[in-house]
Amino acid sequence: MALIGESSAQLALRDPDIRLMLRVRDDDPTAFAEMVELYNHRLITVLQHLLGRPEEAEDLAQEVFLRVYRARKKYRPRAKFSTWLFTIANNLALNALRSRQRRPTVPLNTRDSGPLGPRPAEQLVRERDDQPGRRLQQQELAGIVRLALEQLNERQRVAVILNKFEDMNYAEIADVMRLTTKGVKSLLSRARENLRQTLKDYIYMDNEAPALEARDDDA
C-alpha cells in the first residue's frame, strides 16, 4: 500500500515493476513482453487455484494482460504494481466464477496435480514425518489441498491464495479485495480454521503438529 502523500516517482523508485509498467505506458517495444514473461506463470498459478480449471486460467491470464495493455496510457502508480495487476485478475476471476454458478461443475481428479505440480502441498502444509505409514504421495496430497481450497467461500479462497502463493501482506490483500486490514485478518483466520477442519485427517497446518503428537521440546 502506498504511503500517504507518496508520489508516483517515489513509488517507481521503490518498485521495479512500476518502472516496467511505465515503460509499457511509454510504448517501449520490449517492455510488455518482459512483463508477460515476469508475471504470466504467477497469474496462471493464482487463477488456476481460484478457478480450478487450467485452460480457463490461461485464457483469463491473457485477458488480464490485454486489459493492462489497453489501460497503459491511463496508468498512474498508486500502489505496488503487483497489487494493481492482481486486483484486475481477482475481479475477472470472480466474474468468471459467478457466470458459471448455474452451470454443472466437473469434479477435480485428486490424482492429477496439473501444471502446478505439488505447489499447494508445499506452501500450505507439511507431511507427518513421524507417521510414514500415513504419509501421502506429494501429488495426491496436492489434489486434496486443492479440493479443500475449493470448499472455502470465494473471499476466503482469494485471501488464502494471495497470502500463501503471492506472499501479500494484509494491507496488500485489503487493497486487492477492497477490504480493511482487520477484515482480511478475520477472513484469513476463518479460512485457516476451515482448512484445518477439512484437512485434519491428512495434514497439519502452520507448522503445528496435533496435540497428541507434540514432543516435550515443543512445549
C-alpha atoms as a PDB file:
ATOM      1  CA  MET A   1       0.000   0.000   0.000  1.00  0.00           C
ATOM      2  CA  ALA A   2       1.293   3.447  -0.846  1.00  0.00           C
ATOM      3  CA  LEU A   3       2.166   5.814   1.957  1.00  0.00           C
ATOM      4  CA  ILE A   4       0.001   8.911   2.292  1.00  0.00           C
ATOM      5  CA  GLY A   5       1.438  11.679   0.129  1.00  0.00           C
ATOM      6  CA  GLU A   6       3.861   9.378  -1.668  1.00  0.00           C
ATOM      7  CA  SER A   7       4.360  10.461  -5.271  1.00  0.00           C
ATOM      8  CA  SER A   8       4.345   8.284  -8.372  1.00  0.00           C
ATOM      9  CA  ALA A   9       8.077   8.921  -8.729  1.00  0.00           C
ATOM     10  CA  GLN A  10       8.739   7.723  -5.189  1.00  0.00           C
ATOM     11  CA  LEU A  11       6.662   4.589  -5.784  1.00  0.00           C
ATOM     12  CA  ALA A  12       8.571   3.922  -9.003  1.00  0.00           C
ATOM     13  CA  LEU A  13      11.883   4.170  -7.165  1.00  0.00           C
ATOM     14  CA  ARG A  14      10.753   1.503  -4.724  1.00  0.00           C
ATOM     15  CA  ASP A  15       9.065  -0.861  -7.171  1.00  0.00           C
ATOM     16  CA  PRO A  16      10.939  -2.012 -10.303  1.00  0.00           C
ATOM     17  CA  ASP A  17       7.693  -3.447 -11.689  1.00  0.00           C
ATOM     18  CA  ILE A  18       6.174   0.039 -11.655  1.00  0.00           C
ATOM     19  CA  ARG A  19       9.140   1.216 -13.688  1.00  0.00           C
ATOM     20  CA  LEU A  20       8.493  -1.625 -16.104  1.00  0.00           C
ATOM     21  CA  MET A  21       4.834  -0.652 -16.408  1.00  0.00           C
ATOM     22  CA  LEU A  22       5.810   2.969 -17.034  1.00  0.00           C
ATOM     23  CA  ARG A  23       7.933   1.709 -19.934  1.00  0.00           C
ATOM     24  CA  VAL A  24       4.844  -0.134 -21.219  1.00  0.00           C
ATOM     25  CA  ARG A  25       2.879   3.099 -20.881  1.00  0.00           C
ATOM     26  CA  ASP A  26       5.544   4.888 -22.925  1.00  0.00           C
ATOM     27  CA  ASP A  27       5.373   2.220 -25.665  1.00  0.00           C
ATOM     28  CA  ASP A  28       8.813   0.766 -25.062  1.00  0.00           C
ATOM     29  CA  PRO A  29       8.859  -2.055 -27.678  1.00  0.00           C
ATOM     30  CA  THR A  30      10.294  -4.696 -25.311  1.00  0.00           C
ATOM     31  CA  ALA A  31       8.608  -3.761 -22.028  1.00  0.00           C
ATOM     32  CA  PHE A  32       5.282  -5.540 -22.470  1.00  0.00           C
ATOM     33  CA  ALA A  33       6.954  -8.821 -23.428  1.00  0.00           C
ATOM     34  CA  GLU A  34       9.134  -8.525 -20.313  1.00  0.00           C
ATOM     35  CA  MET A  35       6.041  -8.027 -18.173  1.00  0.00           C
ATOM     36  CA  VAL A  36       4.300 -11.069 -19.627  1.00  0.00           C
ATOM     37  CA  GLU A  37       7.420 -13.149 -19.055  1.00  0.00           C
ATOM     38  CA  LEU A  38       7.665 -11.914 -15.463  1.00  0.00           C
ATOM     39  CA  TYR A  39       4.037 -12.395 -14.431  1.00  0.00           C
ATOM     40  CA  ASN A  40       2.469 -14.991 -16.716  1.00  0.00           C
ATOM     41  CA  HIS A  41       3.250 -18.057 -14.602  1.00  0.00           C
ATOM     42  CA  ARG A  42       2.315 -16.286 -11.375  1.00  0.00           C
ATOM     43  CA  LEU A  43      -1.012 -15.153 -12.792  1.00  0.00           C
ATOM     44  CA  ILE A  44      -1.852 -18.604 -14.127  1.00  0.00           C
ATOM     45  CA  THR A  45      -0.945 -20.165 -10.772  1.00  0.00           C
ATOM     46  CA  VAL A  46      -3.246 -17.858  -8.820  1.00  0.00           C
ATOM     47  CA  LEU A  47      -6.059 -18.051 -11.369  1.00  0.00           C
ATOM     48  CA  GLN A  48      -5.947 -21.832 -11.520  1.00  0.00           C
ATOM     49  CA  HIS A  49      -6.368 -22.026  -7.761  1.00  0.00           C
ATOM     50  CA  LEU A  50      -9.263 -19.587  -7.943  1.00  0.00           C
ATOM     51  CA  LEU A  51     -10.974 -21.212 -10.927  1.00  0.00           C
ATOM     52  CA  GLY A  52      -9.899 -24.855 -10.690  1.00  0.00           C
ATOM     53  CA  ARG A  53      -9.521 -25.122 -14.463  1.00  0.00           C
ATOM     54  CA  PRO A  54      -6.058 -24.824 -16.079  1.00  0.00           C
ATOM     55  CA  GLU A  55      -7.272 -23.830 -19.553  1.00  0.00           C
ATOM     56  CA  GLU A  56      -9.637 -21.199 -18.200  1.00  0.00           C
ATOM     57  CA  ALA A  57      -6.830 -19.837 -16.014  1.00  0.00           C
ATOM     58  CA  GLU A  58      -4.546 -19.475 -19.040  1.00  0.00           C
ATOM     59  CA  ASP A  59      -7.267 -17.730 -21.048  1.00  0.00           C
ATOM     60  CA  LEU A  60      -8.047 -15.368 -18.194  1.00  0.00           C
ATOM     61  CA  ALA A  61      -4.364 -14.546 -17.679  1.00  0.00           C
ATOM     62  CA  GLN A  62      -4.237 -13.438 -21.305  1.00  0.00           C
ATOM     63  CA  GLU A  63      -7.311 -11.281 -20.693  1.00  0.00           C
ATOM     64  CA  VAL A  64      -5.558  -9.667 -17.706  1.00  0.00           C
ATOM     65  CA  PHE A  65      -2.571  -8.740 -19.852  1.00  0.00           C
ATOM     66  CA  LEU A  66      -4.864  -7.453 -22.590  1.00  0.00           C
ATOM     67  CA  ARG A  67      -6.618  -5.166 -20.113  1.00  0.00           C
ATOM     68  CA  VAL A  68      -3.296  -3.945 -18.756  1.00  0.00           C
ATOM     69  CA  TYR A  69      -2.113  -3.104 -22.264  1.00  0.00           C
ATOM     70  CA  ARG A  70      -5.344  -1.332 -23.173  1.00  0.00           C
ATOM     71  CA  ALA A  71      -5.193   0.720 -19.958  1.00  0.00           C
ATOM     72  CA  ARG A  72      -1.491   1.550 -20.253  1.00  0.00           C
ATOM     73  CA  LYS A  73      -1.948   5.202 -21.269  1.00  0.00           C
ATOM     74  CA  LYS A  74      -4.118   5.887 -18.214  1.00  0.00           C
ATOM     75  CA  TYR A  75      -1.785   4.113 -15.777  1.00  0.00           C
ATOM     76  CA  ARG A  76      -0.783   6.147 -12.722  1.00  0.00           C
ATOM     77  CA  PRO A  77       1.003   4.247  -9.940  1.00  0.00           C
ATOM     78  CA  ARG A  78      -0.840   4.471  -6.642  1.00  0.00           C
ATOM     79  CA  ALA A  79       0.278   1.169  -5.097  1.00  0.00           C
ATOM     80  CA  LYS A  80       2.612  -1.723  -5.861  1.00  0.00           C
ATOM     81  CA  PHE A  81       2.268  -2.836  -9.460  1.00  0.00           C
ATOM     82  CA  SER A  82       1.535  -6.439  -8.411  1.00  0.00           C
ATOM     83  CA  THR A  83      -1.349  -5.221  -6.235  1.00  0.00           C
ATOM     84  CA  TRP A  84      -2.898  -3.419  -9.216  1.00  0.00           C
ATOM     85  CA  LEU A  85      -2.352  -6.409 -11.516  1.00  0.00           C
ATOM     86  CA  PHE A  86      -3.867  -8.936  -9.118  1.00  0.00           C
ATOM     87  CA  THR A  87      -6.813  -6.637  -8.466  1.00  0.00           C
ATOM     88  CA  ILE A  88      -7.621  -6.926 -12.181  1.00  0.00           C
ATOM     89  CA  ALA A  89      -7.092 -10.703 -12.051  1.00  0.00           C
ATOM     90  CA  ASN A  90      -9.249 -11.092  -8.955  1.00  0.00           C
ATOM     91  CA  ASN A  91     -12.133  -9.130 -10.480  1.00  0.00           C
ATOM     92  CA  LEU A  92     -12.031 -11.177 -13.677  1.00  0.00           C
ATOM     93  CA  ALA A  93     -11.842 -14.459 -11.757  1.00  0.00           C
ATOM     94  CA  LEU A  94     -14.807 -13.581  -9.541  1.00  0.00           C
ATOM     95  CA  ASN A  95     -16.823 -12.591 -12.617  1.00  0.00           C
ATOM     96  CA  ALA A  96     -15.963 -15.925 -14.239  1.00  0.00           C
ATOM     97  CA  LEU A  97     -16.955 -17.864 -11.114  1.00  0.00           C
ATOM     98  CA  ARG A  98     -20.275 -16.056 -10.859  1.00  0.00           C
ATOM     99  CA  SER A  99     -21.051 -16.611 -14.531  1.00  0.00           C
ATOM    100  CA  ARG A 100     -20.713 -20.370 -14.092  1.00  0.00           C
ATOM    101  CA  GLN A 101     -22.824 -20.646 -10.916  1.00  0.00           C
ATOM    102  CA  ARG A 102     -25.759 -22.127 -12.788  1.00  0.00           C
ATOM    103  CA  ARG A 103     -23.615 -24.443 -14.875  1.00  0.00           C
ATOM    104  CA  PRO A 104     -22.778 -28.051 -13.960  1.00  0.00           C
ATOM    105  CA  THR A 105     -19.457 -28.491 -12.195  1.00  0.00           C
ATOM    106  CA  VAL A 106     -16.842 -31.105 -13.055  1.00  0.00           C
ATOM    107  CA  PRO A 107     -15.118 -32.683 -10.036  1.00  0.00           C
ATOM    108  CA  LEU A 108     -11.338 -32.445  -9.933  1.00  0.00           C
ATOM    109  CA  ASN A 109      -9.257 -35.577 -10.153  1.00  0.00           C
ATOM    110  CA  THR A 110      -7.266 -35.574  -6.907  1.00  0.00           C
ATOM    111  CA  ARG A 111      -4.516 -37.621  -8.534  1.00  0.00           C
ATOM    112  CA  ASP A 112      -3.891 -35.066 -11.260  1.00  0.00           C
ATOM    113  CA  SER A 113      -1.704 -32.276  -9.986  1.00  0.00           C
ATOM    114  CA  GLY A 114      -1.796 -30.365 -13.271  1.00  0.00           C
ATOM    115  CA  PRO A 115       0.924 -27.961 -14.393  1.00  0.00           C
ATOM    116  CA  LEU A 116       1.387 -26.612 -10.868  1.00  0.00           C
ATOM    117  CA  GLY A 117       2.675 -29.901  -9.553  1.00  0.00           C
ATOM    118  CA  PRO A 118       2.673 -30.203  -5.752  1.00  0.00           C
ATOM    119  CA  ARG A 119       2.819 -26.489  -5.034  1.00  0.00           C
ATOM    120  CA  PRO A 120      -0.290 -26.314  -2.805  1.00  0.00           C
ATOM    121  CA  ALA A 121       1.110 -29.020  -0.560  1.00  0.00           C
ATOM    122  CA  GLU A 122       4.493 -27.335  -0.403  1.00  0.00           C
ATOM    123  CA  GLN A 123       3.108 -23.950   0.602  1.00  0.00           C
ATOM    124  CA  LEU A 124       0.150 -24.768   2.821  1.00  0.00           C
ATOM    125  CA  VAL A 125       1.060 -27.990   4.571  1.00  0.00           C
ATOM    126  CA  ARG A 126       3.738 -30.293   5.868  1.00  0.00           C
ATOM    127  CA  GLU A 127       3.729 -34.088   5.813  1.00  0.00           C
ATOM    128  CA  ARG A 128       3.643 -36.035   9.079  1.00  0.00           C
ATOM    129  CA  ASP A 129       7.225 -37.236   9.280  1.00  0.00           C
ATOM    130  CA  ASP A 130       6.504 -39.343  12.359  1.00  0.00           C
ATOM    131  CA  GLN A 131       3.858 -41.422  10.589  1.00  0.00           C
ATOM    132  CA  PRO A 132       5.379 -42.815   7.375  1.00  0.00           C
ATOM    133  CA  GLY A 133       2.527 -45.321   7.081  1.00  0.00           C
ATOM    134  CA  ARG A 134       0.055 -42.455   6.664  1.00  0.00           C
ATOM    135  CA  ARG A 135       2.246 -40.254   4.500  1.00  0.00           C
ATOM    136  CA  LEU A 136       0.556 -39.353   1.243  1.00  0.00           C
ATOM    137  CA  GLN A 137       2.279 -39.107  -2.078  1.00  0.00           C
ATOM    138  CA  GLN A 138       3.012 -35.476  -2.900  1.00  0.00           C
ATOM    139  CA  GLN A 139       0.776 -35.480  -5.938  1.00  0.00           C
ATOM    140  CA  GLU A 140      -2.201 -36.933  -4.086  1.00  0.00           C
ATOM    141  CA  LEU A 141      -1.727 -34.516  -1.218  1.00  0.00           C
ATOM    142  CA  ALA A 142      -1.663 -31.575  -3.619  1.00  0.00           C
ATOM    143  CA  GLY A 143      -5.008 -32.668  -5.011  1.00  0.00           C
ATOM    144  CA  ILE A 144      -6.542 -32.972  -1.549  1.00  0.00           C
ATOM    145  CA  VAL A 145      -5.367 -29.490  -0.602  1.00  0.00           C
ATOM    146  CA  ARG A 146      -6.744 -28.094  -3.849  1.00  0.00           C
ATOM    147  CA  LEU A 147     -10.144 -29.650  -3.105  1.00  0.00           C
ATOM    148  CA  ALA A 148     -10.035 -28.177   0.402  1.00  0.00           C
ATOM    149  CA  LEU A 149      -9.341 -24.741  -1.060  1.00  0.00           C
ATOM    150  CA  GLU A 150     -12.341 -25.145  -3.357  1.00  0.00           C
ATOM    151  CA  GLN A 151     -14.581 -25.708  -0.350  1.00  0.00           C
ATOM    152  CA  LEU A 152     -13.769 -22.256   1.007  1.00  0.00           C
ATOM    153  CA  ASN A 153     -16.087 -19.454   0.020  1.00  0.00           C
ATOM    154  CA  GLU A 154     -14.850 -17.100  -2.716  1.00  0.00           C
ATOM    155  CA  ARG A 155     -13.482 -14.401  -0.434  1.00  0.00           C
ATOM    156  CA  GLN A 156     -11.667 -16.804   1.869  1.00  0.00           C
ATOM    157  CA  ARG A 157     -10.115 -18.610  -1.087  1.00  0.00           C
ATOM    158  CA  VAL A 158      -8.871 -15.362  -2.649  1.00  0.00           C
ATOM    159  CA  ALA A 159      -7.347 -14.201   0.646  1.00  0.00           C
ATOM    160  CA  VAL A 160      -5.535 -17.511   1.242  1.00  0.00           C
ATOM    161  CA  ILE A 161      -4.181 -17.705  -2.308  1.00  0.00           C
ATOM    162  CA  LEU A 162      -2.867 -14.135  -2.310  1.00  0.00           C
ATOM    163  CA  ASN A 163      -1.324 -14.630   1.121  1.00  0.00           C
ATOM    164  CA  LYS A 164       0.253 -18.030   0.561  1.00  0.00           C
ATOM    165  CA  PHE A 165       1.095 -18.006  -3.147  1.00  0.00           C
ATOM    166  CA  GLU A 166       1.824 -14.312  -3.714  1.00  0.00           C
ATOM    167  CA  ASP A 167       3.189 -13.547  -0.231  1.00  0.00           C
ATOM    168  CA  MET A 168       0.945 -10.498   0.026  1.00  0.00           C
ATOM    169  CA  ASN A 169       0.593  -8.907   3.443  1.00  0.00           C
ATOM    170  CA  TYR A 170      -2.737  -7.905   4.986  1.00  0.00           C
ATOM    171  CA  ALA A 171      -2.600  -4.357   3.606  1.00  0.00           C
ATOM    172  CA  GLU A 172      -1.902  -5.536   0.039  1.00  0.00           C
ATOM    173  CA  ILE A 173      -4.682  -8.136   0.181  1.00  0.00           C
ATOM    174  CA  ALA A 174      -7.001  -5.450   1.543  1.00  0.00           C
ATOM    175  CA  ASP A 175      -6.218  -3.284  -1.497  1.00  0.00           C
ATOM    176  CA  VAL A 176      -6.940  -6.131  -3.930  1.00  0.00           C
ATOM    177  CA  MET A 177     -10.153  -7.209  -2.184  1.00  0.00           C
ATOM    178  CA  ARG A 178     -11.292  -3.720  -1.171  1.00  0.00           C
ATOM    179  CA  LEU A 179     -11.445  -4.630   2.496  1.00  0.00           C
ATOM    180  CA  THR A 180      -9.913  -3.270   5.679  1.00  0.00           C
ATOM    181  CA  THR A 181      -6.795  -4.950   7.048  1.00  0.00           C
ATOM    182  CA  LYS A 182      -8.883  -6.035  10.035  1.00  0.00           C
ATOM    183  CA  GLY A 183     -11.353  -7.639   7.641  1.00  0.00           C
ATOM    184  CA  VAL A 184      -8.543  -9.516   5.880  1.00  0.00           C
ATOM    185  CA  LYS A 185      -7.191 -10.803   9.212  1.00  0.00           C
ATOM    186  CA  SER A 186     -10.626 -12.094  10.135  1.00  0.00           C
ATOM    187  CA  LEU A 187     -11.110 -13.651   6.703  1.00  0.00           C
ATOM    188  CA  LEU A 188      -7.775 -15.480   6.843  1.00  0.00           C
ATOM    189  CA  SER A 189      -8.421 -16.662  10.378  1.00  0.00           C
ATOM    190  CA  ARG A 190     -11.745 -18.228   9.378  1.00  0.00           C
ATOM    191  CA  ALA A 191     -10.202 -19.701   6.226  1.00  0.00           C
ATOM    192  CA  ARG A 192      -7.364 -21.351   8.161  1.00  0.00           C
ATOM    193  CA  GLU A 193      -9.818 -22.844  10.634  1.00  0.00           C
ATOM    194  CA  ASN A 194     -11.968 -24.196   7.815  1.00  0.00           C
ATOM    195  CA  LEU A 195      -8.913 -25.692   6.099  1.00  0.00           C
ATOM    196  CA  ARG A 196      -7.698 -27.158   9.364  1.00  0.00           C
ATOM    197  CA  GLN A 197     -11.026 -28.907   9.890  1.00  0.00           C
ATOM    198  CA  THR A 198     -11.206 -30.173   6.306  1.00  0.00           C
ATOM    199  CA  LEU A 199      -7.625 -31.443   6.261  1.00  0.00           C
ATOM    200  CA  LYS A 200      -7.277 -32.692   9.835  1.00  0.00           C
ATOM    201  CA  ASP A 201      -7.235 -36.363   8.776  1.00  0.00           C
ATOM    202  CA  TYR A 202      -4.380 -35.796   6.327  1.00  0.00           C
ATOM    203  CA  ILE A 203      -2.086 -32.980   7.338  1.00  0.00           C
ATOM    204  CA  TYR A 204      -1.455 -30.244   9.857  1.00  0.00           C
ATOM    205  CA  MET A 205      -1.017 -26.560   9.216  1.00  0.00           C
ATOM    206  CA  ASP A 206       1.046 -23.581  10.353  1.00  0.00           C
ATOM    207  CA  ASN A 207       3.875 -25.961  11.327  1.00  0.00           C
ATOM    208  CA  GLU A 208       1.879 -27.153  14.339  1.00  0.00           C
ATOM    209  CA  ALA A 209       1.528 -30.860  14.985  1.00  0.00           C
ATOM    210  CA  PRO A 210      -1.668 -32.147  16.625  1.00  0.00           C
ATOM    211  CA  ALA A 211      -1.525 -32.085  20.418  1.00  0.00           C
ATOM    212  CA  LEU A 212      -1.351 -35.867  20.717  1.00  0.00           C
ATOM    213  CA  GLU A 213       1.864 -35.824  18.690  1.00  0.00           C
ATOM    214  CA  ALA A 214       3.534 -32.906  20.461  1.00  0.00           C
ATOM    215  CA  ARG A 215       7.026 -33.609  21.768  1.00  0.00           C
ATOM    216  CA  ASP A 216       8.441 -32.413  25.081  1.00  0.00           C
ATOM    217  CA  ASP A 217      10.765 -29.949  23.367  1.00  0.00           C
ATOM    218  CA  ASP A 218       7.816 -28.347  21.573  1.00  0.00           C
ATOM    219  CA  ALA A 219       6.038 -27.401  24.778  1.00  0.00           C
END
